[in-house]
Amino acid sequence: MSSCCEGGCGQVRAAQMNAQARRLLWIVLIANAAMFGVEMIGGHAVGSLALQADALDFGADAATYAITLWAIGKSDIVRVRAALLKSASMLLVGLAILAGAAVKIASGAAPEAPPMGLIGALALAVNLGAVMLLLGFREGDANLRSAWLCSRNDAVGNLLVIIAAIATAWTHSFWPDLIVGIVMCLLFLSGSWVVYSQARRESSAVSESAA
């Protein structure tokens, strides 16, 4: 019986954890893909950089969850490479938001505050649900941790969108929307660096164990 718990039972527990992770990731993947469409259309309609940046965030997260699902149960080196790929995607989204900020400065148009705030509130509700579902992954490997980091950053971004909507309604200026877009860009860039750094450490550990 003890040999089972030392060997086979551990494998069973790992399989059960992987199955639970897959179920949770499918839920948040579908929710994020749906919100990507809602915010991208809504952000374009109301002229909000913050909403469009948040939409890109949802789209990147949906891709992140898909990669995480694929990497679950794979070898250590495969999971590390998946994390590096997600780090690169977060970097690209951050740079895309910077480009959008340049366009926003050129146009100088303030977004429509009421629908911007409503969409931001809906997005916040979705992301708070994802954060709670993925809470157990916050101390996991780079692959699973990146999924939780994405949801956490999204929730912060949603709060900023709501704040920007309130400030826009008060000032009738494009600056709150622009500032929030840039802050979300920085969240992407910092998240990319965190995932990259952990993945590199795990890659070194894998190489050392294989030597």
N, C-alpha and C. Protein backbone atom coordinates (compact mmCIF):
# COMPACT_ATOMS: atom_id res chain seq x y z
N MET A 1 0.84 -1.22 0.00
CA MET A 1 0.00 0.00 0.00
C MET A 1 0.86 1.25 0.00
N SER A 2 1.98 1.21 0.81
CA SER A 2 2.85 2.38 0.87
C SER A 2 3.51 2.64 -0.46
N SER A 3 3.86 1.53 -1.20
CA SER A 3 4.50 1.73 -2.51
C SER A 3 3.55 2.41 -3.48
N CYS A 4 2.24 2.11 -3.31
CA CYS A 4 1.25 2.77 -4.16
C CYS A 4 1.26 4.27 -3.91
N CYS A 5 1.26 4.65 -2.64
CA CYS A 5 1.21 6.07 -2.32
C CYS A 5 2.48 6.78 -2.70
N GLU A 6 3.58 6.04 -2.74
CA GLU A 6 4.85 6.65 -3.12
C GLU A 6 4.97 6.80 -4.63
N GLY A 7 4.29 5.94 -5.37
CA GLY A 7 4.43 5.96 -6.82
C GLY A 7 3.12 6.18 -7.54
N GLY A 8 2.30 5.06 -7.62
CA GLY A 8 1.08 5.12 -8.40
C GLY A 8 0.07 6.14 -7.91
N CYS A 9 -0.07 6.28 -6.59
CA CYS A 9 -1.04 7.23 -6.05
C CYS A 9 -0.67 8.66 -6.39
N GLY A 10 0.64 8.95 -6.40
CA GLY A 10 1.10 10.29 -6.78
C GLY A 10 0.75 10.60 -8.22
N GLN A 11 0.87 9.60 -9.08
CA GLN A 11 0.52 9.79 -10.49
C GLN A 11 -0.97 10.02 -10.65
N VAL A 12 -1.77 9.31 -9.83
CA VAL A 12 -3.22 9.49 -9.89
C VAL A 12 -3.59 10.90 -9.46
N ARG A 13 -2.96 11.38 -8.37
CA ARG A 13 -3.25 12.74 -7.90
C ARG A 13 -2.86 13.78 -8.95
N ALA A 14 -1.70 13.57 -9.61
CA ALA A 14 -1.27 14.50 -10.66
C ALA A 14 -2.26 14.51 -11.81
N ALA A 15 -2.76 13.30 -12.17
CA ALA A 15 -3.74 13.22 -13.26
C ALA A 15 -5.04 13.93 -12.88
N GLN A 16 -5.46 13.78 -11.61
CA GLN A 16 -6.67 14.45 -11.15
C GLN A 16 -6.51 15.97 -11.18
N MET A 17 -5.33 16.45 -10.74
CA MET A 17 -5.07 17.89 -10.76
C MET A 17 -5.05 18.42 -12.19
N ASN A 18 -4.47 17.65 -13.11
CA ASN A 18 -4.43 18.07 -14.51
C ASN A 18 -5.83 18.14 -15.10
N ALA A 19 -6.68 17.16 -14.74
CA ALA A 19 -8.04 17.16 -15.24
C ALA A 19 -8.82 18.36 -14.71
N GLN A 20 -8.61 18.69 -13.41
CA GLN A 20 -9.27 19.86 -12.84
C GLN A 20 -8.79 21.14 -13.52
N ALA A 21 -7.47 21.23 -13.76
CA ALA A 21 -6.92 22.41 -14.42
C ALA A 21 -7.52 22.58 -15.81
N ARG A 22 -7.68 21.48 -16.54
CA ARG A 22 -8.26 21.56 -17.88
C ARG A 22 -9.69 22.09 -17.84
N ARG A 23 -10.48 21.58 -16.89
CA ARG A 23 -11.89 22.04 -16.80
C ARG A 23 -11.95 23.54 -16.52
N LEU A 24 -11.16 23.99 -15.56
CA LEU A 24 -11.18 25.41 -15.21
C LEU A 24 -10.69 26.28 -16.36
N LEU A 25 -9.64 25.83 -17.04
CA LEU A 25 -9.07 26.62 -18.13
C LEU A 25 -10.04 26.71 -19.31
N TRP A 26 -10.80 25.65 -19.57
CA TRP A 26 -11.79 25.72 -20.64
C TRP A 26 -12.86 26.77 -20.33
N ILE A 27 -13.28 26.84 -19.07
CA ILE A 27 -14.29 27.82 -18.68
C ILE A 27 -13.79 29.24 -18.92
N VAL A 28 -12.58 29.54 -18.41
CA VAL A 28 -12.07 30.90 -18.54
C VAL A 28 -11.66 31.21 -19.98
N LEU A 29 -11.26 30.20 -20.75
CA LEU A 29 -10.92 30.43 -22.16
C LEU A 29 -12.16 30.90 -22.93
N ILE A 30 -13.28 30.19 -22.75
CA ILE A 30 -14.51 30.55 -23.47
C ILE A 30 -14.98 31.95 -23.04
N ALA A 31 -14.92 32.24 -21.73
CA ALA A 31 -15.34 33.55 -21.25
C ALA A 31 -14.46 34.66 -21.81
N ASN A 32 -13.15 34.42 -21.87
CA ASN A 32 -12.24 35.44 -22.39
C ASN A 32 -12.41 35.65 -23.88
N ALA A 33 -12.63 34.58 -24.63
CA ALA A 33 -12.85 34.72 -26.07
C ALA A 33 -14.12 35.54 -26.34
N ALA A 34 -15.17 35.29 -25.55
CA ALA A 34 -16.42 36.04 -25.72
C ALA A 34 -16.21 37.53 -25.41
N MET A 35 -15.48 37.82 -24.31
CA MET A 35 -15.25 39.21 -23.93
C MET A 35 -14.31 39.92 -24.90
N PHE A 36 -13.43 39.18 -25.55
CA PHE A 36 -12.59 39.79 -26.58
C PHE A 36 -13.46 40.40 -27.67
N GLY A 37 -14.46 39.64 -28.12
CA GLY A 37 -15.37 40.15 -29.15
C GLY A 37 -16.18 41.33 -28.66
N VAL A 38 -16.71 41.22 -27.45
CA VAL A 38 -17.54 42.30 -26.90
C VAL A 38 -16.75 43.59 -26.77
N GLU A 39 -15.55 43.51 -26.19
CA GLU A 39 -14.77 44.73 -25.95
C GLU A 39 -14.15 45.30 -27.21
N MET A 40 -13.75 44.44 -28.14
CA MET A 40 -13.17 44.96 -29.37
C MET A 40 -14.21 45.75 -30.16
N ILE A 41 -15.42 45.18 -30.27
CA ILE A 41 -16.50 45.88 -30.98
C ILE A 41 -16.91 47.13 -30.21
N GLY A 42 -17.10 46.98 -28.88
CA GLY A 42 -17.50 48.12 -28.07
C GLY A 42 -16.46 49.21 -28.01
N GLY A 43 -15.19 48.82 -27.88
CA GLY A 43 -14.11 49.81 -27.82
C GLY A 43 -14.00 50.61 -29.10
N HIS A 44 -14.16 49.93 -30.24
CA HIS A 44 -14.12 50.64 -31.52
C HIS A 44 -15.32 51.56 -31.66
N ALA A 45 -16.49 51.09 -31.19
CA ALA A 45 -17.72 51.89 -31.34
C ALA A 45 -17.67 53.17 -30.51
N VAL A 46 -17.12 53.10 -29.30
CA VAL A 46 -17.11 54.28 -28.43
C VAL A 46 -15.80 55.05 -28.50
N GLY A 47 -14.83 54.55 -29.27
CA GLY A 47 -13.56 55.25 -29.44
C GLY A 47 -12.66 55.20 -28.22
N SER A 48 -12.62 54.05 -27.54
CA SER A 48 -11.83 53.93 -26.31
C SER A 48 -10.59 53.07 -26.51
N LEU A 49 -9.40 53.67 -26.33
CA LEU A 49 -8.15 52.90 -26.36
C LEU A 49 -8.10 51.91 -25.21
N ALA A 50 -8.57 52.32 -24.03
CA ALA A 50 -8.52 51.44 -22.86
C ALA A 50 -9.34 50.18 -23.10
N LEU A 51 -10.54 50.32 -23.69
CA LEU A 51 -11.36 49.14 -23.97
C LEU A 51 -10.71 48.27 -25.04
N GLN A 52 -10.13 48.87 -26.06
CA GLN A 52 -9.48 48.09 -27.10
C GLN A 52 -8.25 47.37 -26.53
N ALA A 53 -7.53 48.05 -25.63
CA ALA A 53 -6.38 47.40 -24.99
C ALA A 53 -6.86 46.23 -24.13
N ASP A 54 -7.98 46.44 -23.44
CA ASP A 54 -8.53 45.37 -22.61
C ASP A 54 -9.02 44.22 -23.48
N ALA A 55 -9.56 44.54 -24.66
CA ALA A 55 -9.98 43.49 -25.59
C ALA A 55 -8.79 42.66 -26.04
N LEU A 56 -7.67 43.33 -26.37
CA LEU A 56 -6.46 42.60 -26.73
C LEU A 56 -5.99 41.73 -25.58
N ASP A 57 -6.18 42.25 -24.37
CA ASP A 57 -5.83 41.49 -23.17
C ASP A 57 -6.65 40.20 -23.11
N PHE A 58 -7.96 40.31 -23.34
CA PHE A 58 -8.81 39.13 -23.34
C PHE A 58 -8.40 38.16 -24.45
N GLY A 59 -8.10 38.69 -25.63
CA GLY A 59 -7.69 37.82 -26.73
C GLY A 59 -6.39 37.10 -26.43
N ALA A 60 -5.42 37.84 -25.87
CA ALA A 60 -4.15 37.22 -25.51
C ALA A 60 -4.33 36.17 -24.43
N ASP A 61 -5.25 36.46 -23.49
CA ASP A 61 -5.50 35.51 -22.42
C ASP A 61 -6.13 34.23 -22.96
N ALA A 62 -7.07 34.37 -23.90
CA ALA A 62 -7.69 33.18 -24.49
C ALA A 62 -6.62 32.32 -25.15
N ALA A 63 -5.68 32.98 -25.85
CA ALA A 63 -4.58 32.23 -26.47
C ALA A 63 -3.69 31.61 -25.40
N THR A 64 -3.44 32.35 -24.32
CA THR A 64 -2.62 31.84 -23.23
C THR A 64 -3.25 30.59 -22.61
N TYR A 65 -4.56 30.64 -22.36
CA TYR A 65 -5.22 29.49 -21.77
C TYR A 65 -5.20 28.29 -22.72
N ALA A 66 -5.33 28.55 -24.02
CA ALA A 66 -5.27 27.46 -25.00
C ALA A 66 -3.89 26.79 -24.97
N ILE A 67 -2.83 27.61 -24.93
CA ILE A 67 -1.48 27.05 -24.87
C ILE A 67 -1.27 26.29 -23.57
N THR A 68 -1.79 26.85 -22.46
CA THR A 68 -1.66 26.18 -21.17
C THR A 68 -2.36 24.84 -21.18
N LEU A 69 -3.57 24.79 -21.76
CA LEU A 69 -4.29 23.53 -21.88
C LEU A 69 -3.48 22.50 -22.66
N TRP A 70 -2.88 22.94 -23.74
CA TRP A 70 -2.09 22.03 -24.57
C TRP A 70 -0.87 21.51 -23.81
N ALA A 71 -0.27 22.36 -22.98
CA ALA A 71 0.99 22.00 -22.31
C ALA A 71 0.80 21.17 -21.05
N ILE A 72 -0.44 21.14 -20.50
CA ILE A 72 -0.66 20.37 -19.26
C ILE A 72 -0.33 18.90 -19.50
N GLY A 73 0.45 18.34 -18.59
CA GLY A 73 0.81 16.93 -18.69
C GLY A 73 1.97 16.65 -19.61
N LYS A 74 2.44 17.67 -20.34
CA LYS A 74 3.59 17.48 -21.22
C LYS A 74 4.88 17.50 -20.40
N SER A 75 5.99 17.26 -21.06
CA SER A 75 7.29 17.24 -20.38
C SER A 75 7.64 18.63 -19.86
N ASP A 76 8.61 18.66 -18.94
CA ASP A 76 9.02 19.94 -18.35
C ASP A 76 9.50 20.92 -19.42
N ILE A 77 10.28 20.44 -20.37
CA ILE A 77 10.85 21.34 -21.38
C ILE A 77 9.75 21.89 -22.30
N VAL A 78 8.73 21.07 -22.59
CA VAL A 78 7.61 21.54 -23.42
C VAL A 78 6.85 22.64 -22.69
N ARG A 79 6.62 22.46 -21.38
CA ARG A 79 5.90 23.47 -20.61
C ARG A 79 6.71 24.77 -20.53
N VAL A 80 8.02 24.65 -20.40
CA VAL A 80 8.87 25.84 -20.37
C VAL A 80 8.79 26.59 -21.70
N ARG A 81 8.84 25.86 -22.80
CA ARG A 81 8.75 26.51 -24.11
C ARG A 81 7.39 27.16 -24.31
N ALA A 82 6.34 26.52 -23.80
CA ALA A 82 5.00 27.12 -23.90
C ALA A 82 4.96 28.44 -23.13
N ALA A 83 5.59 28.46 -21.95
CA ALA A 83 5.62 29.69 -21.16
C ALA A 83 6.39 30.79 -21.88
N LEU A 84 7.50 30.43 -22.53
CA LEU A 84 8.28 31.42 -23.28
C LEU A 84 7.45 31.98 -24.44
N LEU A 85 6.67 31.13 -25.09
CA LEU A 85 5.80 31.59 -26.18
C LEU A 85 4.77 32.58 -25.66
N LYS A 86 4.20 32.30 -24.49
CA LYS A 86 3.21 33.21 -23.91
C LYS A 86 3.86 34.52 -23.49
N SER A 87 5.08 34.45 -23.01
CA SER A 87 5.80 35.68 -22.66
C SER A 87 5.96 36.56 -23.90
N ALA A 88 6.31 35.94 -25.02
CA ALA A 88 6.48 36.69 -26.27
C ALA A 88 5.16 37.30 -26.73
N SER A 89 4.06 36.56 -26.57
CA SER A 89 2.75 37.08 -26.99
C SER A 89 2.33 38.27 -26.14
N MET A 90 2.63 38.22 -24.83
CA MET A 90 2.31 39.35 -23.95
C MET A 90 3.12 40.58 -24.34
N LEU A 91 4.37 40.36 -24.73
CA LEU A 91 5.21 41.47 -25.18
C LEU A 91 4.64 42.10 -26.44
N LEU A 92 4.20 41.29 -27.39
CA LEU A 92 3.65 41.81 -28.64
C LEU A 92 2.37 42.60 -28.41
N VAL A 93 1.52 42.13 -27.49
CA VAL A 93 0.28 42.86 -27.19
C VAL A 93 0.61 44.21 -26.57
N GLY A 94 1.60 44.23 -25.67
CA GLY A 94 2.01 45.50 -25.07
C GLY A 94 2.46 46.50 -26.11
N LEU A 95 3.23 46.03 -27.09
CA LEU A 95 3.70 46.91 -28.15
C LEU A 95 2.55 47.37 -29.05
N ALA A 96 1.56 46.49 -29.26
CA ALA A 96 0.39 46.87 -30.07
C ALA A 96 -0.41 47.98 -29.37
N ILE A 97 -0.51 47.91 -28.05
CA ILE A 97 -1.22 48.95 -27.31
C ILE A 97 -0.47 50.27 -27.42
N LEU A 98 0.85 50.23 -27.38
CA LEU A 98 1.64 51.45 -27.56
C LEU A 98 1.35 52.10 -28.91
N ALA A 99 1.24 51.28 -29.95
CA ALA A 99 0.91 51.81 -31.27
C ALA A 99 -0.47 52.45 -31.25
N GLY A 100 -1.42 51.81 -30.56
CA GLY A 100 -2.76 52.39 -30.44
C GLY A 100 -2.75 53.71 -29.69
N ALA A 101 -1.86 53.83 -28.70
CA ALA A 101 -1.74 55.08 -27.95
C ALA A 101 -1.28 56.21 -28.86
N ALA A 102 -0.36 55.89 -29.77
CA ALA A 102 0.12 56.91 -30.71
C ALA A 102 -1.02 57.40 -31.60
N VAL A 103 -1.87 56.48 -32.05
CA VAL A 103 -3.03 56.85 -32.87
C VAL A 103 -4.00 57.70 -32.06
N LYS A 104 -4.19 57.34 -30.79
CA LYS A 104 -5.10 58.08 -29.92
C LYS A 104 -4.64 59.52 -29.73
N ILE A 105 -3.34 59.70 -29.54
CA ILE A 105 -2.80 61.05 -29.38
C ILE A 105 -3.03 61.87 -30.64
N ALA A 106 -2.87 61.22 -31.79
CA ALA A 106 -3.04 61.92 -33.05
C ALA A 106 -4.49 62.37 -33.25
N SER A 107 -5.45 61.53 -32.84
CA SER A 107 -6.86 61.88 -33.05
C SER A 107 -7.36 62.86 -31.99
N GLY A 108 -6.98 62.66 -30.74
CA GLY A 108 -7.37 63.55 -29.65
C GLY A 108 -8.83 63.50 -29.28
N ALA A 109 -9.57 62.46 -29.72
CA ALA A 109 -11.01 62.38 -29.45
C ALA A 109 -11.26 61.63 -28.15
N ALA A 110 -12.15 62.17 -27.31
CA ALA A 110 -12.52 61.51 -26.06
C ALA A 110 -13.55 60.41 -26.34
N PRO A 111 -13.46 59.27 -25.64
CA PRO A 111 -14.44 58.20 -25.84
C PRO A 111 -15.78 58.52 -25.19
N GLU A 112 -16.80 57.70 -25.49
CA GLU A 112 -18.11 57.85 -24.86
C GLU A 112 -18.06 57.16 -23.51
N ALA A 113 -18.17 57.93 -22.44
CA ALA A 113 -17.93 57.41 -21.09
C ALA A 113 -18.94 56.38 -20.59
N PRO A 114 -20.28 56.59 -20.72
CA PRO A 114 -21.23 55.64 -20.12
C PRO A 114 -21.08 54.21 -20.64
N PRO A 115 -21.11 53.98 -21.98
CA PRO A 115 -20.95 52.60 -22.43
C PRO A 115 -19.57 52.04 -22.11
N MET A 116 -18.55 52.90 -22.09
CA MET A 116 -17.21 52.47 -21.73
C MET A 116 -17.20 51.90 -20.31
N GLY A 117 -17.85 52.59 -19.37
CA GLY A 117 -17.92 52.12 -18.00
C GLY A 117 -18.71 50.84 -17.85
N LEU A 118 -19.82 50.71 -18.58
CA LEU A 118 -20.65 49.51 -18.49
C LEU A 118 -19.90 48.28 -19.01
N ILE A 119 -19.22 48.44 -20.13
CA ILE A 119 -18.46 47.32 -20.68
C ILE A 119 -17.31 46.95 -19.75
N GLY A 120 -16.67 47.97 -19.18
CA GLY A 120 -15.59 47.72 -18.23
C GLY A 120 -16.07 46.96 -17.01
N ALA A 121 -17.27 47.27 -16.52
CA ALA A 121 -17.83 46.57 -15.36
C ALA A 121 -18.13 45.11 -15.68
N LEU A 122 -18.67 44.86 -16.87
CA LEU A 122 -18.92 43.49 -17.30
C LEU A 122 -17.62 42.70 -17.38
N ALA A 123 -16.61 43.33 -17.95
CA ALA A 123 -15.30 42.68 -18.06
C ALA A 123 -14.71 42.37 -16.69
N LEU A 124 -14.89 43.30 -15.74
CA LEU A 124 -14.38 43.09 -14.39
C LEU A 124 -15.04 41.87 -13.75
N ALA A 125 -16.35 41.73 -13.91
CA ALA A 125 -17.06 40.59 -13.34
C ALA A 125 -16.53 39.27 -13.90
N VAL A 126 -16.29 39.24 -15.21
CA VAL A 126 -15.75 38.03 -15.84
C VAL A 126 -14.37 37.71 -15.30
N ASN A 127 -13.52 38.72 -15.18
CA ASN A 127 -12.15 38.46 -14.75
C ASN A 127 -12.03 38.13 -13.27
N LEU A 128 -12.88 38.72 -12.43
CA LEU A 128 -12.87 38.35 -11.02
C LEU A 128 -13.25 36.87 -10.85
N GLY A 129 -14.19 36.42 -11.67
CA GLY A 129 -14.54 35.00 -11.65
C GLY A 129 -13.36 34.13 -12.06
N ALA A 130 -12.63 34.57 -13.10
CA ALA A 130 -11.46 33.81 -13.56
C ALA A 130 -10.36 33.79 -12.50
N VAL A 131 -10.14 34.93 -11.85
CA VAL A 131 -9.11 35.00 -10.80
C VAL A 131 -9.41 34.00 -9.69
N MET A 132 -10.66 33.92 -9.27
CA MET A 132 -11.03 32.99 -8.20
C MET A 132 -10.89 31.54 -8.66
N LEU A 133 -11.30 31.26 -9.89
CA LEU A 133 -11.19 29.89 -10.40
C LEU A 133 -9.73 29.42 -10.49
N LEU A 134 -8.85 30.35 -10.86
CA LEU A 134 -7.45 29.99 -11.10
C LEU A 134 -6.55 30.29 -9.90
N LEU A 135 -7.13 30.61 -8.77
CA LEU A 135 -6.34 31.03 -7.61
C LEU A 135 -5.32 29.97 -7.21
N GLY A 136 -5.66 28.71 -7.36
CA GLY A 136 -4.75 27.64 -6.98
C GLY A 136 -3.52 27.54 -7.86
N PHE A 137 -3.50 28.26 -8.99
CA PHE A 137 -2.36 28.19 -9.90
C PHE A 137 -1.32 29.28 -9.64
N ARG A 138 -1.60 30.17 -8.69
CA ARG A 138 -0.74 31.35 -8.54
C ARG A 138 0.68 30.99 -8.11
N GLU A 139 0.88 29.82 -7.52
CA GLU A 139 2.21 29.39 -7.12
C GLU A 139 2.68 28.19 -7.92
N GLY A 140 2.05 27.96 -9.07
CA GLY A 140 2.41 26.80 -9.89
C GLY A 140 3.62 27.07 -10.76
N ASP A 141 3.85 26.16 -11.74
CA ASP A 141 4.97 26.35 -12.65
C ASP A 141 4.68 27.53 -13.58
N ALA A 142 5.67 27.90 -14.40
CA ALA A 142 5.52 29.09 -15.24
C ALA A 142 4.33 28.97 -16.17
N ASN A 143 4.03 27.76 -16.63
CA ASN A 143 2.93 27.56 -17.54
C ASN A 143 1.59 27.88 -16.88
N LEU A 144 1.33 27.28 -15.71
CA LEU A 144 0.06 27.52 -15.01
C LEU A 144 0.03 28.90 -14.36
N ARG A 145 1.16 29.35 -13.83
CA ARG A 145 1.18 30.65 -13.18
C ARG A 145 0.85 31.77 -14.17
N SER A 146 1.30 31.61 -15.41
CA SER A 146 1.03 32.64 -16.42
C SER A 146 -0.47 32.81 -16.64
N ALA A 147 -1.23 31.70 -16.52
CA ALA A 147 -2.68 31.78 -16.69
C ALA A 147 -3.30 32.63 -15.58
N TRP A 148 -2.86 32.41 -14.34
CA TRP A 148 -3.39 33.20 -13.22
C TRP A 148 -2.95 34.65 -13.32
N LEU A 149 -1.68 34.89 -13.72
CA LEU A 149 -1.19 36.26 -13.86
C LEU A 149 -2.02 37.04 -14.88
N CYS A 150 -2.38 36.38 -15.98
CA CYS A 150 -3.16 37.06 -17.01
C CYS A 150 -4.51 37.51 -16.46
N SER A 151 -5.18 36.64 -15.71
CA SER A 151 -6.48 37.00 -15.15
C SER A 151 -6.34 38.10 -14.11
N ARG A 152 -5.30 38.02 -13.29
CA ARG A 152 -5.09 39.06 -12.27
C ARG A 152 -4.86 40.41 -12.94
N ASN A 153 -3.98 40.44 -13.95
CA ASN A 153 -3.71 41.69 -14.66
C ASN A 153 -4.96 42.22 -15.34
N ASP A 154 -5.78 41.32 -15.85
CA ASP A 154 -7.03 41.74 -16.49
C ASP A 154 -7.95 42.44 -15.51
N ALA A 155 -8.07 41.87 -14.31
CA ALA A 155 -8.95 42.47 -13.30
C ALA A 155 -8.48 43.88 -12.94
N VAL A 156 -7.16 44.04 -12.81
CA VAL A 156 -6.60 45.37 -12.54
C VAL A 156 -6.92 46.31 -13.70
N GLY A 157 -6.75 45.80 -14.91
CA GLY A 157 -7.03 46.61 -16.10
C GLY A 157 -8.49 47.03 -16.17
N ASN A 158 -9.40 46.13 -15.80
CA ASN A 158 -10.83 46.46 -15.82
C ASN A 158 -11.16 47.58 -14.85
N LEU A 159 -10.58 47.52 -13.66
CA LEU A 159 -10.78 48.60 -12.70
C LEU A 159 -10.31 49.93 -13.26
N LEU A 160 -9.17 49.89 -13.95
CA LEU A 160 -8.63 51.11 -14.54
C LEU A 160 -9.54 51.65 -15.64
N VAL A 161 -10.15 50.74 -16.41
CA VAL A 161 -11.08 51.17 -17.46
C VAL A 161 -12.28 51.89 -16.84
N ILE A 162 -12.79 51.34 -15.75
CA ILE A 162 -13.94 51.97 -15.08
C ILE A 162 -13.55 53.34 -14.54
N ILE A 163 -12.36 53.43 -13.94
CA ILE A 163 -11.87 54.72 -13.44
C ILE A 163 -11.72 55.72 -14.59
N ALA A 164 -11.19 55.23 -15.73
CA ALA A 164 -11.02 56.11 -16.89
C ALA A 164 -12.36 56.60 -17.41
N ALA A 165 -13.37 55.73 -17.38
CA ALA A 165 -14.71 56.13 -17.84
C ALA A 165 -15.28 57.24 -16.95
N ILE A 166 -15.10 57.09 -15.64
CA ILE A 166 -15.58 58.11 -14.70
C ILE A 166 -14.83 59.43 -14.93
N ALA A 167 -13.50 59.34 -15.08
CA ALA A 167 -12.70 60.54 -15.29
C ALA A 167 -13.03 61.20 -16.62
N THR A 168 -13.32 60.38 -17.65
CA THR A 168 -13.69 60.94 -18.96
C THR A 168 -15.02 61.68 -18.88
N ALA A 169 -15.98 61.09 -18.15
CA ALA A 169 -17.27 61.75 -17.99
C ALA A 169 -17.12 63.08 -17.26
N TRP A 170 -16.15 63.16 -16.36
CA TRP A 170 -15.94 64.36 -15.57
C TRP A 170 -15.18 65.43 -16.35
N THR A 171 -14.17 65.01 -17.11
CA THR A 171 -13.27 65.98 -17.77
C THR A 171 -13.57 66.19 -19.25
N HIS A 172 -14.28 65.22 -19.88
CA HIS A 172 -14.53 65.26 -21.34
C HIS A 172 -13.20 65.33 -22.11
N SER A 173 -12.18 64.65 -21.58
CA SER A 173 -10.85 64.65 -22.19
C SER A 173 -10.47 63.22 -22.59
N PHE A 174 -9.59 63.10 -23.58
CA PHE A 174 -9.11 61.79 -23.99
C PHE A 174 -7.97 61.28 -23.11
N TRP A 175 -7.43 62.14 -22.24
CA TRP A 175 -6.25 61.77 -21.46
C TRP A 175 -6.48 60.61 -20.49
N PRO A 176 -7.60 60.54 -19.74
CA PRO A 176 -7.78 59.38 -18.86
C PRO A 176 -7.75 58.06 -19.61
N ASP A 177 -8.43 58.02 -20.76
CA ASP A 177 -8.44 56.81 -21.58
C ASP A 177 -7.03 56.47 -22.07
N LEU A 178 -6.29 57.47 -22.49
CA LEU A 178 -4.93 57.26 -22.98
C LEU A 178 -4.01 56.76 -21.86
N ILE A 179 -4.11 57.38 -20.69
CA ILE A 179 -3.24 57.00 -19.57
C ILE A 179 -3.51 55.55 -19.17
N VAL A 180 -4.78 55.15 -19.09
CA VAL A 180 -5.11 53.78 -18.73
C VAL A 180 -4.59 52.80 -19.78
N GLY A 181 -4.70 53.16 -21.04
CA GLY A 181 -4.17 52.31 -22.09
C GLY A 181 -2.67 52.08 -21.93
N ILE A 182 -1.94 53.13 -21.60
CA ILE A 182 -0.49 53.01 -21.41
C ILE A 182 -0.17 52.18 -20.17
N VAL A 183 -0.94 52.38 -19.09
CA VAL A 183 -0.72 51.57 -17.87
C VAL A 183 -0.95 50.09 -18.17
N MET A 184 -1.98 49.78 -18.95
CA MET A 184 -2.24 48.39 -19.30
C MET A 184 -1.12 47.82 -20.16
N CYS A 185 -0.56 48.68 -21.00
CA CYS A 185 0.61 48.27 -21.79
C CYS A 185 1.75 47.87 -20.86
N LEU A 186 1.99 48.67 -19.82
CA LEU A 186 3.07 48.39 -18.87
C LEU A 186 2.79 47.09 -18.10
N LEU A 187 1.51 46.83 -17.80
CA LEU A 187 1.16 45.57 -17.15
C LEU A 187 1.53 44.38 -18.03
N PHE A 188 1.25 44.50 -19.32
CA PHE A 188 1.62 43.44 -20.25
C PHE A 188 3.13 43.24 -20.28
N LEU A 189 3.86 44.33 -20.37
CA LEU A 189 5.31 44.23 -20.47
C LEU A 189 5.91 43.63 -19.20
N SER A 190 5.40 44.05 -18.03
CA SER A 190 5.93 43.51 -16.78
C SER A 190 5.55 42.04 -16.62
N GLY A 191 4.30 41.68 -16.99
CA GLY A 191 3.88 40.29 -16.94
C GLY A 191 4.70 39.41 -17.85
N SER A 192 5.02 39.94 -19.04
CA SER A 192 5.87 39.20 -19.98
C SER A 192 7.22 38.91 -19.36
N TRP A 193 7.79 39.91 -18.67
CA TRP A 193 9.11 39.73 -18.06
C TRP A 193 9.06 38.72 -16.91
N VAL A 194 7.99 38.76 -16.09
CA VAL A 194 7.87 37.81 -14.98
C VAL A 194 7.80 36.38 -15.49
N VAL A 195 6.95 36.14 -16.50
CA VAL A 195 6.80 34.79 -17.05
C VAL A 195 8.11 34.34 -17.72
N TYR A 196 8.75 35.25 -18.45
CA TYR A 196 10.01 34.92 -19.11
C TYR A 196 11.08 34.55 -18.09
N SER A 197 11.19 35.33 -17.02
CA SER A 197 12.22 35.09 -16.01
C SER A 197 12.02 33.73 -15.34
N GLN A 198 10.77 33.41 -14.97
CA GLN A 198 10.52 32.13 -14.33
C GLN A 198 10.76 30.98 -15.30
N ALA A 199 10.35 31.16 -16.55
CA ALA A 199 10.56 30.10 -17.54
C ALA A 199 12.05 29.84 -17.76
N ARG A 200 12.85 30.89 -17.76
CA ARG A 200 14.30 30.71 -17.93
C ARG A 200 14.90 29.96 -16.75
N ARG A 201 14.42 30.29 -15.53
CA ARG A 201 14.91 29.57 -14.35
C ARG A 201 14.53 28.09 -14.42
N GLU A 202 13.29 27.82 -14.82
CA GLU A 202 12.85 26.43 -14.93
C GLU A 202 13.61 25.71 -16.04
N SER A 203 13.93 26.41 -17.12
CA SER A 203 14.69 25.81 -18.20
C SER A 203 16.09 25.42 -17.71
N SER A 204 16.71 26.28 -16.91
CA SER A 204 18.03 25.97 -16.37
C SER A 204 17.96 24.76 -15.44
N ALA A 205 16.89 24.69 -14.63
CA ALA A 205 16.74 23.57 -13.72
C ALA A 205 16.57 22.26 -14.49
N VAL A 206 15.79 22.31 -15.58
CA VAL A 206 15.59 21.11 -16.41
C VAL A 206 16.91 20.67 -17.03
N SER A 207 17.68 21.64 -17.53
CA SER A 207 18.98 21.31 -18.15
C SER A 207 19.93 20.68 -17.14
N GLU A 208 19.94 21.23 -15.91
CA GLU A 208 20.82 20.70 -14.89
C GLU A 208 20.44 19.28 -14.48
N SER A 209 19.12 19.02 -14.39
CA SER A 209 18.68 17.69 -13.99
C SER A 209 18.95 16.65 -15.09
N ALA A 210 18.96 17.14 -16.35
CA ALA A 210 19.21 16.23 -17.47
C ALA A 210 20.70 15.94 -17.65
N ALA A 211 21.55 16.82 -17.09
CA ALA A 211 23.00 16.66 -17.27
C ALA A 211 23.55 15.50 -16.45
